[in-house]
Amino acid sequence: MVHAFIMVTVDTGHAEALVEMVRAFDHVSDANVIAGNFDIVVEADAGEVYDVINSVATRIRGLDAVTDTKTYVCLE
């Protein structure tokens, strides 16, 4: 099992709408609007790293108003 966090930066005013969309994606276990250097943190669980990258991170990057993403895969 692969566990990862995807940090998402979005255009001003779009975080709440996007977090609702992202919560419906396959392999997403949680997503929240946060304060700080990023706007949304997405928690993902999948069988393989490929599933996290392809099913979650790539789809998030393709959403309108997303300006940047950083994916952090947990090692344990």
N, C-alpha and C. Protein backbone atom coordinates (compact mmCIF):
# COMPACT_ATOMS: atom_id res chain seq x y z
N MET A 1 0.85 -1.19 0.00
CA MET A 1 0.00 0.00 0.00
C MET A 1 0.89 1.24 0.00
N VAL A 2 0.55 2.18 -0.84
CA VAL A 2 1.27 3.45 -0.95
C VAL A 2 0.40 4.55 -0.34
N HIS A 3 1.00 5.35 0.53
CA HIS A 3 0.32 6.48 1.15
C HIS A 3 1.07 7.74 0.73
N ALA A 4 0.35 8.77 0.28
CA ALA A 4 1.00 9.98 -0.20
C ALA A 4 0.19 11.21 0.17
N PHE A 5 0.89 12.33 0.20
CA PHE A 5 0.27 13.63 0.39
C PHE A 5 0.57 14.46 -0.84
N ILE A 6 -0.45 15.12 -1.37
CA ILE A 6 -0.28 15.98 -2.53
C ILE A 6 -0.65 17.39 -2.10
N MET A 7 0.33 18.27 -2.19
CA MET A 7 0.13 19.66 -1.82
C MET A 7 -0.24 20.42 -3.08
N VAL A 8 -1.31 21.19 -3.02
CA VAL A 8 -1.86 21.83 -4.21
C VAL A 8 -1.94 23.35 -4.00
N THR A 9 -1.48 24.09 -5.00
CA THR A 9 -1.61 25.55 -5.02
C THR A 9 -2.63 25.90 -6.10
N VAL A 10 -3.58 26.77 -5.76
CA VAL A 10 -4.64 27.15 -6.71
C VAL A 10 -4.76 28.67 -6.78
N ASP A 11 -5.44 29.12 -7.84
CA ASP A 11 -5.73 30.54 -7.97
C ASP A 11 -6.62 30.99 -6.82
N THR A 12 -6.49 32.24 -6.42
CA THR A 12 -7.26 32.80 -5.32
C THR A 12 -8.76 32.59 -5.52
N GLY A 13 -9.40 32.11 -4.46
CA GLY A 13 -10.85 31.96 -4.46
C GLY A 13 -11.37 30.63 -4.98
N HIS A 14 -10.49 29.70 -5.36
CA HIS A 14 -10.93 28.43 -5.94
C HIS A 14 -10.74 27.21 -5.03
N ALA A 15 -10.11 27.38 -3.90
CA ALA A 15 -9.74 26.23 -3.07
C ALA A 15 -10.95 25.42 -2.60
N GLU A 16 -11.98 26.06 -2.11
CA GLU A 16 -13.11 25.31 -1.55
C GLU A 16 -13.85 24.51 -2.61
N ALA A 17 -14.03 25.06 -3.79
CA ALA A 17 -14.71 24.32 -4.86
C ALA A 17 -13.85 23.15 -5.33
N LEU A 18 -12.55 23.36 -5.45
CA LEU A 18 -11.67 22.30 -5.92
C LEU A 18 -11.53 21.17 -4.92
N VAL A 19 -11.50 21.49 -3.64
CA VAL A 19 -11.36 20.43 -2.64
C VAL A 19 -12.55 19.48 -2.70
N GLU A 20 -13.72 19.98 -2.98
CA GLU A 20 -14.91 19.12 -3.10
C GLU A 20 -14.77 18.20 -4.31
N MET A 21 -14.25 18.69 -5.41
CA MET A 21 -14.05 17.87 -6.60
C MET A 21 -13.02 16.77 -6.34
N VAL A 22 -11.92 17.15 -5.71
CA VAL A 22 -10.82 16.23 -5.48
C VAL A 22 -11.22 15.10 -4.53
N ARG A 23 -12.06 15.39 -3.57
CA ARG A 23 -12.51 14.35 -2.63
C ARG A 23 -13.21 13.19 -3.33
N ALA A 24 -13.75 13.43 -4.51
CA ALA A 24 -14.46 12.38 -5.26
C ALA A 24 -13.53 11.53 -6.12
N PHE A 25 -12.27 11.88 -6.25
CA PHE A 25 -11.33 11.13 -7.08
C PHE A 25 -11.03 9.77 -6.46
N ASP A 26 -10.80 8.78 -7.32
CA ASP A 26 -10.35 7.47 -6.86
C ASP A 26 -9.05 7.61 -6.10
N HIS A 27 -8.87 6.83 -5.07
CA HIS A 27 -7.67 6.75 -4.23
C HIS A 27 -7.50 7.93 -3.28
N VAL A 28 -8.37 8.92 -3.30
CA VAL A 28 -8.27 10.04 -2.35
C VAL A 28 -8.97 9.64 -1.07
N SER A 29 -8.22 9.66 0.04
CA SER A 29 -8.82 9.32 1.33
C SER A 29 -9.28 10.56 2.09
N ASP A 30 -8.68 11.72 1.79
CA ASP A 30 -9.10 12.97 2.42
C ASP A 30 -8.50 14.14 1.65
N ALA A 31 -9.13 15.29 1.76
CA ALA A 31 -8.62 16.52 1.15
C ALA A 31 -9.15 17.69 1.98
N ASN A 32 -8.27 18.65 2.24
CA ASN A 32 -8.64 19.79 3.08
C ASN A 32 -8.01 21.07 2.58
N VAL A 33 -8.74 22.17 2.73
CA VAL A 33 -8.18 23.50 2.49
C VAL A 33 -7.31 23.83 3.70
N ILE A 34 -6.11 24.35 3.44
CA ILE A 34 -5.18 24.65 4.52
C ILE A 34 -4.63 26.07 4.37
N ALA A 35 -4.02 26.57 5.43
CA ALA A 35 -3.33 27.85 5.41
C ALA A 35 -1.84 27.59 5.30
N GLY A 36 -1.13 28.49 4.63
CA GLY A 36 0.32 28.34 4.51
C GLY A 36 0.77 28.47 3.07
N ASN A 37 1.85 27.78 2.72
CA ASN A 37 2.42 27.88 1.38
C ASN A 37 1.58 27.17 0.32
N PHE A 38 0.69 26.28 0.72
CA PHE A 38 -0.18 25.56 -0.20
C PHE A 38 -1.62 25.86 0.18
N ASP A 39 -2.54 25.56 -0.73
CA ASP A 39 -3.95 25.84 -0.50
C ASP A 39 -4.76 24.61 -0.12
N ILE A 40 -4.36 23.44 -0.63
CA ILE A 40 -5.08 22.19 -0.38
C ILE A 40 -4.06 21.10 -0.11
N VAL A 41 -4.37 20.24 0.86
CA VAL A 41 -3.57 19.03 1.06
C VAL A 41 -4.50 17.84 0.79
N VAL A 42 -4.01 16.94 -0.07
CA VAL A 42 -4.76 15.76 -0.46
C VAL A 42 -4.03 14.54 0.08
N GLU A 43 -4.77 13.65 0.71
CA GLU A 43 -4.20 12.41 1.22
C GLU A 43 -4.69 11.29 0.32
N ALA A 44 -3.76 10.47 -0.19
CA ALA A 44 -4.11 9.42 -1.14
C ALA A 44 -3.54 8.08 -0.71
N ASP A 45 -4.29 7.02 -0.96
CA ASP A 45 -3.87 5.65 -0.69
C ASP A 45 -4.14 4.82 -1.94
N ALA A 46 -3.14 4.04 -2.34
CA ALA A 46 -3.29 3.19 -3.52
C ALA A 46 -2.37 1.99 -3.40
N GLY A 47 -2.56 1.03 -4.30
CA GLY A 47 -1.74 -0.17 -4.28
C GLY A 47 -0.33 0.06 -4.78
N GLU A 48 -0.15 0.99 -5.69
CA GLU A 48 1.15 1.26 -6.31
C GLU A 48 1.38 2.75 -6.42
N VAL A 49 2.64 3.16 -6.46
CA VAL A 49 2.98 4.58 -6.65
C VAL A 49 2.36 5.09 -7.95
N TYR A 50 2.39 4.26 -8.98
CA TYR A 50 1.80 4.63 -10.27
C TYR A 50 0.35 5.08 -10.10
N ASP A 51 -0.40 4.39 -9.27
CA ASP A 51 -1.81 4.72 -9.07
C ASP A 51 -1.97 6.11 -8.45
N VAL A 52 -1.10 6.43 -7.51
CA VAL A 52 -1.16 7.76 -6.88
C VAL A 52 -0.81 8.82 -7.92
N ILE A 53 0.27 8.61 -8.65
CA ILE A 53 0.72 9.61 -9.62
C ILE A 53 -0.29 9.76 -10.75
N ASN A 54 -0.73 8.65 -11.31
CA ASN A 54 -1.60 8.70 -12.48
C ASN A 54 -3.04 9.07 -12.12
N SER A 55 -3.59 8.44 -11.13
CA SER A 55 -5.00 8.63 -10.81
C SER A 55 -5.28 9.91 -10.04
N VAL A 56 -4.35 10.35 -9.23
CA VAL A 56 -4.62 11.50 -8.37
C VAL A 56 -3.82 12.72 -8.82
N ALA A 57 -2.51 12.65 -8.74
CA ALA A 57 -1.69 13.84 -9.00
C ALA A 57 -1.89 14.38 -10.41
N THR A 58 -1.91 13.53 -11.40
CA THR A 58 -2.07 13.99 -12.78
C THR A 58 -3.44 14.60 -12.99
N ARG A 59 -4.47 14.01 -12.43
CA ARG A 59 -5.82 14.58 -12.57
C ARG A 59 -5.93 15.93 -11.88
N ILE A 60 -5.30 16.08 -10.72
CA ILE A 60 -5.34 17.35 -10.00
C ILE A 60 -4.66 18.43 -10.83
N ARG A 61 -3.49 18.13 -11.37
CA ARG A 61 -2.76 19.12 -12.19
C ARG A 61 -3.58 19.58 -13.38
N GLY A 62 -4.47 18.73 -13.88
CA GLY A 62 -5.28 19.08 -15.04
C GLY A 62 -6.50 19.94 -14.73
N LEU A 63 -6.80 20.17 -13.46
CA LEU A 63 -7.96 20.98 -13.11
C LEU A 63 -7.70 22.47 -13.35
N ASP A 64 -8.73 23.15 -13.83
CA ASP A 64 -8.63 24.61 -13.97
C ASP A 64 -8.36 25.22 -12.60
N ALA A 65 -7.59 26.26 -12.57
CA ALA A 65 -7.22 27.03 -11.37
C ALA A 65 -6.10 26.40 -10.56
N VAL A 66 -5.66 25.18 -10.87
CA VAL A 66 -4.50 24.59 -10.18
C VAL A 66 -3.24 25.15 -10.82
N THR A 67 -2.38 25.74 -9.99
CA THR A 67 -1.15 26.36 -10.51
C THR A 67 0.10 25.53 -10.22
N ASP A 68 0.05 24.65 -9.20
CA ASP A 68 1.22 23.85 -8.87
C ASP A 68 0.81 22.70 -7.96
N THR A 69 1.54 21.59 -8.04
CA THR A 69 1.35 20.48 -7.11
C THR A 69 2.72 19.94 -6.70
N LYS A 70 2.77 19.38 -5.51
CA LYS A 70 3.96 18.68 -5.00
C LYS A 70 3.44 17.39 -4.39
N THR A 71 4.00 16.27 -4.80
CA THR A 71 3.59 14.96 -4.28
C THR A 71 4.66 14.40 -3.38
N TYR A 72 4.25 14.01 -2.17
CA TYR A 72 5.16 13.43 -1.18
C TYR A 72 4.68 12.03 -0.85
N VAL A 73 5.48 11.03 -1.21
CA VAL A 73 5.14 9.64 -0.95
C VAL A 73 5.75 9.24 0.39
N CYS A 74 4.94 8.68 1.27
CA CYS A 74 5.43 8.23 2.58
C CYS A 74 6.30 6.99 2.41
N LEU A 75 7.36 6.92 3.19
CA LEU A 75 8.29 5.81 3.11
C LEU A 75 7.95 4.66 4.04
N GLU A 76 7.09 4.88 4.99
CA GLU A 76 6.70 3.81 5.92
C GLU A 76 5.22 3.59 5.85
